[in-house]
Amino acid sequence: MLFSFAAAIVCGARSALEAERLQAHQVALFGAPSDSTTHRMVAGMDAPMLARIAKVRAV
């Protein structure tokens, strides 16, 4: 789940909804995305982690 979510962010997802939509295209590789799991994962990220993700995406 984490890898497919990270791949969706790299592909340009800017929200959990966009990440889920991009993950839907990768079902054969990673399995079906779960709304609740994605939301719990994002909710569990702290501010430093979100800042690092934003920094990497900016590059």
C-alpha atoms as a PDB file:
ATOM      1  CA  MET A   1       0.000   0.000   0.000  1.00  0.00           C
ATOM      2  CA  LEU A   2       2.709   2.476   0.971  1.00  0.00           C
ATOM      3  CA  PHE A   3       4.654   1.826  -2.218  1.00  0.00           C
ATOM      4  CA  SER A   4       1.634   2.306  -4.471  1.00  0.00           C
ATOM      5  CA  PHE A   5       0.715   5.484  -2.562  1.00  0.00           C
ATOM      6  CA  ALA A   6       4.269   6.787  -2.981  1.00  0.00           C
ATOM      7  CA  ALA A   7       4.145   5.952  -6.688  1.00  0.00           C
ATOM      8  CA  ALA A   8       0.891   7.911  -7.006  1.00  0.00           C
ATOM      9  CA  ILE A   9       2.510  10.936  -5.340  1.00  0.00           C
ATOM     10  CA  VAL A  10       5.461  10.702  -7.725  1.00  0.00           C
ATOM     11  CA  CYS A  11       2.987  10.580 -10.611  1.00  0.00           C
ATOM     12  CA  GLY A  12       1.489  13.864  -9.453  1.00  0.00           C
ATOM     13  CA  ALA A  13      -1.265  13.050  -6.966  1.00  0.00           C
ATOM     14  CA  ARG A  14      -2.017  16.133  -4.864  1.00  0.00           C
ATOM     15  CA  SER A  15      -4.672  14.630  -2.603  1.00  0.00           C
ATOM     16  CA  ALA A  16      -5.785  11.283  -1.243  1.00  0.00           C
ATOM     17  CA  LEU A  17      -8.546  11.164  -3.859  1.00  0.00           C
ATOM     18  CA  GLU A  18      -6.082  11.694  -6.716  1.00  0.00           C
ATOM     19  CA  ALA A  19      -3.744   9.098  -5.211  1.00  0.00           C
ATOM     20  CA  GLU A  20      -6.571   6.570  -5.048  1.00  0.00           C
ATOM     21  CA  ARG A  21      -7.488   7.255  -8.664  1.00  0.00           C
ATOM     22  CA  LEU A  22      -3.891   6.763  -9.790  1.00  0.00           C
ATOM     23  CA  GLN A  23      -3.590   3.620  -7.657  1.00  0.00           C
ATOM     24  CA  ALA A  24      -6.631   2.207  -9.435  1.00  0.00           C
ATOM     25  CA  HIS A  25      -4.525   2.028 -12.609  1.00  0.00           C
ATOM     26  CA  GLN A  26      -1.954  -0.124 -10.793  1.00  0.00           C
ATOM     27  CA  VAL A  27      -4.337  -2.800  -9.472  1.00  0.00           C
ATOM     28  CA  ALA A  28      -2.520  -5.606 -11.292  1.00  0.00           C
ATOM     29  CA  LEU A  29       0.739  -4.702  -9.528  1.00  0.00           C
ATOM     30  CA  PHE A  30      -0.359  -3.630  -6.054  1.00  0.00           C
ATOM     31  CA  GLY A  31      -3.927  -4.839  -5.572  1.00  0.00           C
ATOM     32  CA  ALA A  32      -7.024  -2.697  -5.194  1.00  0.00           C
ATOM     33  CA  PRO A  33      -6.638   0.605  -3.318  1.00  0.00           C
ATOM     34  CA  SER A  34      -8.493   0.994  -0.057  1.00  0.00           C
ATOM     35  CA  ASP A  35     -10.009   4.376   0.783  1.00  0.00           C
ATOM     36  CA  SER A  36      -9.803   3.851   4.517  1.00  0.00           C
ATOM     37  CA  THR A  37      -6.213   2.588   4.441  1.00  0.00           C
ATOM     38  CA  THR A  38      -5.071   5.532   2.323  1.00  0.00           C
ATOM     39  CA  HIS A  39      -6.767   8.035   4.604  1.00  0.00           C
ATOM     40  CA  ARG A  40      -5.343   6.392   7.744  1.00  0.00           C
ATOM     41  CA  MET A  41      -1.857   6.416   6.242  1.00  0.00           C
ATOM     42  CA  VAL A  42      -2.040  10.119   5.349  1.00  0.00           C
ATOM     43  CA  ALA A  43      -3.596  10.995   8.717  1.00  0.00           C
ATOM     44  CA  GLY A  44      -0.744   9.191  10.455  1.00  0.00           C
ATOM     45  CA  MET A  45       1.942  11.248   8.741  1.00  0.00           C
ATOM     46  CA  ASP A  46       3.457  13.960  10.872  1.00  0.00           C
ATOM     47  CA  ALA A  47       4.303  17.497   9.712  1.00  0.00           C
ATOM     48  CA  PRO A  48       8.003  16.734   9.029  1.00  0.00           C
ATOM     49  CA  MET A  49       7.041  13.779   6.808  1.00  0.00           C
ATOM     50  CA  LEU A  50       4.533  15.867   4.864  1.00  0.00           C
ATOM     51  CA  ALA A  51       7.156  18.610   4.496  1.00  0.00           C
ATOM     52  CA  ARG A  52       9.672  16.105   3.095  1.00  0.00           C
ATOM     53  CA  ILE A  53       7.095  14.826   0.615  1.00  0.00           C
ATOM     54  CA  ALA A  54       6.342  18.402  -0.480  1.00  0.00           C
ATOM     55  CA  LYS A  55      10.062  19.129  -0.870  1.00  0.00           C
ATOM     56  CA  VAL A  56      10.643  16.073  -3.034  1.00  0.00           C
ATOM     57  CA  ARG A  57       7.594  16.837  -5.162  1.00  0.00           C
ATOM     58  CA  ALA A  58       8.823  20.409  -5.690  1.00  0.00           C
ATOM     59  CA  VAL A  59      12.033  19.077  -7.225  1.00  0.00           C
END
